[in-house]
Protein backbone atom coordinates (compact mmCIF):
# COMPACT_ATOMS: atom_id res chain seq x y z
CA UNK A 1 27.04 79.04 59.08
CA UNK A 2 26.46 76.01 56.84
CA UNK A 3 24.33 74.14 59.39
CA UNK A 4 26.90 71.94 61.15
CA UNK A 5 27.29 71.42 64.87
CA UNK A 6 30.26 73.09 66.51
CA UNK A 7 31.41 69.86 68.14
CA UNK A 8 31.15 66.28 66.83
CA UNK A 9 33.37 64.00 68.96
CA UNK A 10 31.89 60.94 67.23
CA UNK A 11 33.48 61.98 63.92
CA UNK A 12 37.03 60.65 64.00
CA UNK A 13 37.58 59.50 60.41
CA UNK A 14 39.34 62.08 58.21
CA UNK A 15 37.45 61.29 55.01
CA UNK A 16 34.06 61.27 56.76
CA UNK A 17 34.81 64.72 58.18
CA UNK A 18 35.60 66.25 54.80
CA UNK A 19 32.68 64.59 53.06
CA UNK A 20 30.25 65.86 55.71
CA UNK A 21 31.56 69.43 55.48
CA UNK A 22 31.55 69.41 51.68
CA UNK A 23 28.01 68.03 51.56
CA UNK A 24 26.81 70.98 53.64
CA UNK A 25 28.78 73.55 51.63
CA UNK A 26 27.25 72.21 48.40
CA UNK A 27 23.78 73.15 49.65
CA UNK A 28 24.59 76.79 48.84
CA UNK A 29 25.59 78.68 45.71
CA UNK A 30 28.85 80.61 45.55
CA UNK A 31 26.92 83.88 45.77
CA UNK A 32 25.02 82.69 48.83
CA UNK A 33 28.23 81.64 50.57
CA UNK A 34 29.85 84.99 49.79
CA UNK A 35 26.82 86.82 51.20
CA UNK A 36 26.78 84.65 54.34
CA UNK A 37 30.52 85.14 54.87
CA UNK A 38 30.17 88.91 54.57
CA UNK A 39 27.23 89.01 56.98
CA UNK A 40 29.11 87.36 59.87
CA UNK A 41 32.60 88.50 58.77
CA UNK A 42 33.73 84.91 58.29
CA UNK A 43 36.97 84.19 56.40
CA UNK A 44 36.15 82.45 53.11
CA UNK A 45 36.49 83.04 49.38
CA UNK A 46 35.66 81.63 45.99
CA UNK A 47 38.65 79.75 44.59
CA UNK A 48 39.64 81.76 41.51
CA UNK A 49 42.07 81.08 38.69
CA UNK A 50 44.89 83.61 38.20
CA UNK A 51 43.25 85.04 35.09
CA UNK A 52 39.93 85.44 36.93
CA UNK A 53 41.58 87.17 39.89
CA UNK A 54 43.33 89.59 37.53
CA UNK A 55 39.93 90.56 36.11
CA UNK A 56 38.54 91.57 39.52
CA UNK A 57 38.72 95.18 40.68
CA UNK A 58 40.64 94.12 43.76
CA UNK A 59 43.10 92.10 41.71
CA UNK A 60 43.75 95.04 39.39
CA UNK A 61 44.40 97.38 42.31
CA UNK A 62 46.87 95.01 43.98
CA UNK A 63 48.67 94.08 40.76
CA UNK A 64 49.39 97.77 40.20
CA UNK A 65 51.27 97.87 43.52
CA UNK A 66 54.70 96.50 44.52
CA UNK A 67 54.82 93.42 46.82
CA UNK A 68 55.70 95.74 49.73
CA UNK A 69 56.24 99.45 50.14
CA UNK A 70 57.49 101.98 52.68
CA UNK A 71 56.13 105.53 52.78
CA UNK A 72 56.81 108.57 55.03
CA UNK A 73 54.45 108.99 57.96
CA UNK A 74 55.89 112.24 59.34
CA UNK A 75 59.03 114.21 58.47
CA UNK A 76 59.53 116.41 61.54
CA UNK A 77 61.55 114.13 63.82
CA UNK A 78 65.35 114.12 63.49
CA UNK A 79 67.50 111.20 62.29
CA UNK A 80 67.69 108.29 64.74
CA UNK A 81 70.93 106.35 64.12
CA UNK A 82 71.12 102.62 64.79
CA UNK A 83 72.08 102.25 68.47
CA UNK A 84 74.39 99.20 68.01
CA UNK A 85 74.05 98.42 71.72
CA UNK A 86 76.39 95.85 73.20
CA UNK A 87 75.04 92.34 73.65
CA UNK A 88 76.34 88.93 74.61
CA UNK A 89 76.35 87.79 70.99
CA UNK A 90 79.70 86.56 69.58
CA UNK A 91 79.89 89.64 67.31
CA UNK A 92 77.89 92.89 66.97
CA UNK A 93 74.30 92.60 65.75
CA UNK A 94 72.87 95.08 63.26
CA UNK A 95 69.66 95.71 65.20
CA UNK A 96 71.02 95.45 68.75
CA UNK A 97 69.23 98.09 70.84
CA UNK A 98 66.27 98.40 68.44
CA UNK A 99 62.98 97.79 70.25
CA UNK A 100 60.02 96.17 68.51
CA UNK A 101 56.42 95.73 69.66
CA UNK A 102 54.77 92.94 67.70
CA UNK A 103 50.97 92.92 67.70
CA UNK A 104 50.37 89.88 65.50
CA UNK A 105 49.01 86.33 65.48
CA UNK A 106 49.67 82.96 63.81
CA UNK A 107 52.50 83.11 61.18
CA UNK A 108 52.99 86.02 58.74
CA UNK A 109 53.07 88.83 61.32
CA UNK A 110 55.14 86.90 63.88
CA UNK A 111 57.54 85.96 61.04
CA UNK A 112 58.29 89.70 60.66
CA UNK A 113 59.21 89.95 64.34
CA UNK A 114 61.19 86.73 64.10
CA UNK A 115 63.25 88.20 61.25
CA UNK A 116 64.01 91.36 63.25
CA UNK A 117 64.94 89.29 66.33
CA UNK A 118 67.43 87.36 64.18
CA UNK A 119 69.24 90.65 63.47
CA UNK A 120 69.40 91.39 67.20
CA UNK A 121 66.30 93.50 67.87
CA UNK A 122 64.52 93.27 71.21
CA UNK A 123 61.06 92.02 70.21
CA UNK A 124 58.11 91.81 72.57
CA UNK A 125 55.21 89.88 71.08
CA UNK A 126 52.07 91.39 72.62
CA UNK A 127 49.01 89.14 72.48
CA UNK A 128 45.54 89.46 73.93
CA UNK A 129 44.59 86.88 76.57
CA UNK A 130 41.13 86.86 74.95
CA UNK A 131 42.23 85.79 71.45
CA UNK A 132 43.07 82.21 70.50
CA UNK A 133 46.33 81.31 68.81
CA UNK A 134 47.89 78.09 67.50
CA UNK A 135 50.40 76.70 70.05
CA UNK A 136 52.28 74.74 67.37
CA UNK A 137 53.21 77.92 65.48
CA UNK A 138 54.46 79.63 68.64
CA UNK A 139 57.35 77.15 68.89
CA UNK A 140 58.89 78.56 65.70
CA UNK A 141 57.51 82.11 65.62
CA UNK A 142 58.41 83.13 69.18
CA UNK A 143 62.12 82.31 69.07
CA UNK A 144 64.37 85.21 70.02
CA UNK A 145 61.52 87.24 71.53
CA UNK A 146 59.79 87.91 74.78
CA UNK A 147 56.04 87.19 74.73
CA UNK A 148 53.58 89.03 76.96
CA UNK A 149 49.78 89.11 77.28
CA UNK A 150 48.13 92.54 77.44
CA UNK A 151 44.47 93.39 76.96
CA UNK A 152 44.58 96.72 75.12
CA UNK A 153 40.93 97.36 76.00
CA UNK A 154 41.82 97.38 79.72
CA UNK A 155 43.03 100.68 81.15
CA UNK A 156 45.70 99.12 83.33
CA UNK A 157 47.15 97.07 80.46
CA UNK A 158 46.97 100.09 78.14
CA UNK A 159 49.13 102.06 80.57
CA UNK A 160 51.74 99.27 80.59
CA UNK A 161 51.67 99.09 76.79
CA UNK A 162 52.11 102.84 76.44
CA UNK A 163 55.14 102.69 78.74
CA UNK A 164 56.63 100.09 76.39
CA UNK A 165 55.64 102.17 73.37
CA UNK A 166 57.43 105.26 74.70
CA UNK A 167 60.84 103.75 73.85
CA UNK A 168 59.86 101.45 70.97
CA UNK A 169 61.30 101.89 67.49
CA UNK A 170 59.09 99.53 65.47
CA UNK A 171 55.43 98.51 65.74
CA UNK A 172 54.28 95.44 63.79
CA UNK A 173 50.56 95.11 63.01
CA UNK A 174 49.15 91.77 61.88
CA UNK A 175 45.45 92.56 62.23
CA UNK A 176 42.83 93.80 59.81
CA UNK A 177 43.21 97.40 58.57
CA UNK A 178 41.94 99.86 61.18
CA UNK A 179 42.10 97.51 64.18
CA UNK A 180 45.00 99.32 65.85
CA UNK A 181 43.51 102.70 64.89
CA UNK A 182 40.44 101.87 66.96
CA UNK A 183 42.66 100.98 69.92
CA UNK A 184 44.56 104.25 69.58
CA UNK A 185 47.85 102.84 68.27
CA UNK A 186 47.53 103.17 64.50
CA UNK A 187 49.89 105.09 62.18
CA UNK A 188 48.37 108.55 62.73
CA UNK A 189 48.45 108.15 66.52
CA UNK A 190 52.07 106.91 66.40
CA UNK A 191 52.97 109.93 64.26
CA UNK A 192 51.74 112.28 67.01
CA UNK A 193 53.59 110.32 69.70
CA UNK A 194 56.75 110.48 67.57
CA UNK A 195 56.58 114.27 67.31
CA UNK A 196 56.08 114.65 71.06
CA UNK A 197 59.00 112.39 71.98
CA UNK A 198 61.25 113.68 69.20
CA UNK A 199 62.01 110.29 67.63
CA UNK A 200 60.22 108.55 64.80
CA UNK A 201 58.51 105.18 64.58
CA UNK A 202 58.56 102.51 61.89
CA UNK A 203 55.10 100.95 61.58
CA UNK A 204 54.72 97.83 59.42
CA UNK A 205 51.34 96.22 58.73
CA UNK A 206 50.53 92.94 57.00
CA UNK A 207 47.16 91.33 56.35
CA UNK A 208 45.50 88.93 53.93
CA UNK A 209 43.96 91.07 51.18
CA UNK A 210 46.14 94.19 51.16
CA UNK A 211 45.52 97.71 52.38
CA UNK A 212 43.54 99.14 49.45
CA UNK A 213 40.78 97.82 47.23
CA UNK A 214 37.23 96.61 47.82
CA UNK A 215 38.31 93.47 49.75
CA UNK A 216 40.88 95.15 52.01
CA UNK A 217 38.80 94.76 55.17
CA UNK A 218 38.04 91.05 54.65
CA UNK A 219 39.54 88.58 57.13
CA UNK A 220 41.76 85.76 55.96
CA UNK A 221 44.95 83.77 56.22
CA UNK A 222 47.35 82.03 53.85
CA UNK A 223 45.01 79.47 52.29
CA UNK A 224 42.37 82.17 51.75
CA UNK A 225 44.91 84.26 49.82
CA UNK A 226 46.20 81.21 47.91
CA UNK A 227 42.68 80.35 46.79
CA UNK A 228 41.52 83.82 45.76
CA UNK A 229 44.69 84.77 43.82
CA UNK A 230 44.91 81.56 41.78
CA UNK A 231 47.83 79.87 43.56
CA UNK A 232 45.67 76.89 44.56
CA UNK A 233 44.57 76.41 40.95
CA UNK A 234 48.22 76.59 39.85
CA UNK A 235 49.07 73.92 42.42
CA UNK A 236 46.29 71.63 41.20
CA UNK A 237 47.21 72.07 37.53
CA UNK A 238 50.87 71.42 38.32
CA UNK A 239 49.79 68.09 39.82
CA UNK A 240 48.02 67.21 36.56
CA UNK A 241 44.53 67.92 37.90
CA UNK A 242 41.64 70.03 36.69
CA UNK A 243 40.88 71.31 40.18
CA UNK A 244 42.61 73.45 42.80
CA UNK A 245 44.65 72.06 45.70
CA UNK A 246 45.89 74.19 48.60
CA UNK A 247 49.71 74.41 48.42
CA UNK A 248 51.79 72.56 51.02
CA UNK A 249 53.34 74.47 53.93
CA UNK A 250 52.82 78.14 54.90
CA UNK A 251 54.92 79.52 52.04
CA UNK A 252 52.92 82.71 51.55
CA UNK A 253 52.91 83.30 55.30
CA UNK A 254 56.68 83.16 55.61
CA UNK A 255 57.18 84.98 52.30
CA UNK A 256 54.97 87.81 53.52
CA UNK A 257 56.89 87.79 56.80
CA UNK A 258 60.14 88.23 54.85
CA UNK A 259 58.68 91.18 52.92
CA UNK A 260 57.49 92.77 56.16
CA UNK A 261 60.96 92.33 57.67
CA UNK A 262 62.49 94.03 54.62
CA UNK A 263 59.99 96.89 54.95
CA UNK A 264 60.93 97.34 58.62
CA UNK A 265 64.66 97.34 57.83
CA UNK A 266 64.09 99.87 55.04
CA UNK A 267 62.09 102.13 57.37
CA UNK A 268 64.80 101.94 60.04
CA UNK A 269 67.48 102.79 57.47
CA UNK A 270 65.52 105.80 56.21
CA UNK A 271 64.82 106.97 59.76
CA UNK A 272 68.56 106.76 60.55
CA UNK A 273 69.57 108.68 57.40
CA UNK A 274 66.83 111.29 57.04
CA UNK A 275 64.72 111.20 60.21
CA UNK A 276 60.95 110.97 60.27
CA UNK A 277 58.53 108.07 60.75
CA UNK A 278 57.61 105.47 58.15
CA UNK A 279 54.77 103.10 57.39
CA UNK A 280 55.37 99.83 55.57
CA UNK A 281 52.64 97.61 54.12
CA UNK A 282 52.47 94.15 52.59
CA UNK A 283 49.98 91.27 52.41
CA UNK A 284 49.53 87.60 51.65
CA UNK A 285 47.74 88.38 48.38
CA UNK A 286 50.57 90.70 47.29
CA UNK A 287 53.11 87.95 47.95
CA UNK A 288 51.01 85.48 45.93
CA UNK A 289 50.82 87.97 43.06
CA UNK A 290 54.61 88.41 43.18
CA UNK A 291 55.05 84.63 43.24
CA UNK A 292 52.92 84.07 40.15
CA UNK A 293 54.47 86.96 38.24
CA UNK A 294 57.84 85.22 38.62
CA UNK A 295 56.40 82.50 36.36
CA UNK A 296 55.54 78.80 36.60
CA UNK A 297 57.52 75.72 35.63
CA UNK A 298 56.75 74.41 32.16
CA UNK A 299 54.99 71.11 31.55
CA UNK A 300 58.28 69.29 30.87
CA UNK A 301 59.58 70.18 34.34
CA UNK A 302 56.26 69.33 35.99
CA UNK A 303 56.19 65.93 34.28
CA UNK A 304 59.68 65.25 35.63
CA UNK A 305 58.64 66.27 39.15
CA UNK A 306 55.54 64.08 38.99
CA UNK A 307 57.77 61.13 38.11
CA UNK A 308 60.20 61.83 40.97
CA UNK A 309 57.72 62.34 43.81
CA UNK A 310 55.38 59.95 45.62
CA UNK A 311 52.12 58.94 43.97
CA UNK A 312 50.42 59.48 47.33
CA UNK A 313 51.05 63.21 47.07
CA UNK A 314 49.35 63.38 43.68
CA UNK A 315 46.30 61.66 45.14
CA UNK A 316 45.42 64.90 46.95
CA UNK A 317 42.26 66.74 45.86
CA UNK A 318 40.53 70.10 46.35
CA UNK A 319 38.87 69.13 49.62
CA UNK A 320 41.97 67.81 51.39
CA UNK A 321 42.99 69.75 54.47
CA UNK A 322 46.21 71.75 54.67
CA UNK A 323 47.43 69.31 57.34
CA UNK A 324 46.98 66.35 54.99
CA UNK A 325 48.63 68.21 52.10
CA UNK A 326 51.59 69.17 54.28
CA UNK A 327 51.98 65.66 55.69
CA UNK A 328 52.17 64.05 52.26
CA UNK A 329 54.44 66.77 50.87
CA UNK A 330 56.86 66.41 53.80
CA UNK A 331 57.02 62.65 53.32
CA UNK A 332 57.93 62.85 49.63
CA UNK A 333 60.40 65.71 50.22
CA UNK A 334 62.23 63.70 52.87
CA UNK A 335 62.69 60.91 50.34
CA UNK A 336 63.63 62.99 47.28
CA UNK A 337 65.66 65.74 49.02
CA UNK A 338 67.16 64.34 52.24
CA UNK A 339 69.85 67.06 52.14
CA UNK A 340 67.21 69.59 53.23
CA UNK A 341 66.82 67.78 56.55
CA UNK A 342 70.48 67.33 57.50
CA UNK A 343 71.55 68.22 61.04
CA UNK A 344 73.89 70.97 59.78
CA UNK A 345 70.79 73.08 59.05
CA UNK A 346 69.42 72.75 62.59
CA UNK A 347 70.03 74.25 66.02
CA UNK A 348 68.72 73.09 69.39
CA UNK A 349 68.34 74.81 72.74
CA UNK A 350 66.42 74.20 75.94
CA UNK A 351 63.31 76.37 76.29
CA UNK A 352 62.27 77.30 79.80
CA UNK A 353 58.90 78.37 78.46
CA UNK A 354 58.10 75.00 76.92
CA UNK A 355 60.27 73.06 79.44
CA UNK A 356 61.78 71.10 76.58
CA UNK A 357 64.51 71.25 73.97
CA UNK A 358 63.37 73.13 70.85
CA UNK A 359 64.93 72.40 67.46
CA UNK A 360 64.73 75.09 64.79
CA UNK A 361 66.41 75.90 61.48
CA UNK A 362 69.63 77.88 61.75
CA UNK A 363 69.57 81.48 60.48
CA UNK A 364 70.70 81.57 56.84
CA UNK A 365 71.88 85.19 56.54
CA UNK A 366 75.60 85.84 56.94
CA UNK A 367 77.03 89.40 57.01
CA UNK A 368 80.75 89.99 57.38
CA UNK A 369 81.67 91.49 60.73
CA UNK A 370 78.24 90.82 62.30
CA UNK A 371 76.46 87.91 63.94
CA UNK A 372 72.96 86.91 62.95
CA UNK A 373 71.09 84.63 65.28
CA UNK A 374 68.67 84.38 68.17
CA UNK A 375 69.65 85.23 71.72
CA UNK A 376 66.90 83.27 73.45
CA UNK A 377 64.92 80.13 72.87
CA UNK A 378 61.26 79.97 72.03
CA UNK A 379 58.40 80.32 74.49
CA UNK A 380 54.58 80.23 74.48
CA UNK A 381 52.51 83.39 74.20
CA UNK A 382 52.16 85.30 77.46
CA UNK A 383 55.19 83.68 79.10
CA UNK A 384 57.11 86.89 79.90
CA UNK A 385 56.49 90.08 81.83
CA UNK A 386 55.79 93.15 79.65
CA UNK A 387 59.10 94.93 80.22
CA UNK A 388 62.27 95.84 78.33
CA UNK A 389 64.40 95.05 81.40
CA UNK A 390 66.39 91.97 82.48
CA UNK A 391 66.22 89.89 79.31
CA UNK A 392 67.95 86.51 79.47
CA UNK A 393 70.35 85.09 76.89
CA UNK A 394 70.41 81.35 76.20
CA UNK A 395 74.06 80.45 75.77
CA UNK A 396 73.12 77.31 73.87
CA UNK A 397 72.00 79.41 70.89
CA UNK A 398 75.24 81.39 70.76
CA UNK A 399 77.28 78.29 69.96
CA UNK A 400 74.64 76.09 68.31
């Protein structure tokens, strides 16, 4: 879009890469870049300050909404109590017997399914063999689940998916608004299926820009949301700079995943008590709004933090990549807060899918009388057959 080749194997120096990209971006005005992005549906935004985002029509619409919400989809189906199926977990699990179809990619959407798997739900992550994904994120996001490839534009795969859907309780949607509608599996279609089978669905959707407002259909991911809502400017100012810096780590992704998990749990609770089907919505931008409305540290605290942490971290600038930001942040955190990285926080189990031991953070939620945790180790996308039958349990996670 900005006139660069798609592949430059001769460019191996980090700083040369960024300088070359930035030099090409600077050939265009902000308005030109916005117009070019819109034309080819490319993910990209102007980096706004919080006060500027609040002044936009989209910002005003999202600020008027809660960070997440759950609304009735249909009210005809009867109550569907939690099944509390038996499992090989040390104690009962709250969501044992609940079936979840996760149609999501990368982090925020899969984090919703990960949260439900922790409570004992059977989660099948359904991915298209024609869409790319980031293998690194699958190590963390796919724990506790089964992961199957299905092309929902292929009649044979659609039939398999609809067989899975017939007994599913929850559908998670991590694509742009309307994508699942076009495939025939959006909220209105699920509502009709629910009425025919006599049991409701809980449908939870997350995206970048939210589900209403003039930017709702735009593509994006965490750093896009962080830049447009003002979080990147807040990060830069906190570092003592007069420029934005993308925040370290996928905080908005996982935060949005937590809100989506809460929405799913709320929908399941309401379905059990009153019947019906429910639709939950949340987004990266809504999480960022919530984050900023909680308030920022004052200058005294920021001065103290700047003194405690590595100078190398504060050498970051607006054009540094998220990988570079994360690398430097992790280094200074390991030095200043070694307690965060102690072995007591970790669990390890062999993964047949990756043919290696996988170390992950232990679940943090504890509920008296129940066990929260994952029943199976992580695996890559597409590793499993698309079926609810014959799921394995990795004993190493039960005692980790």
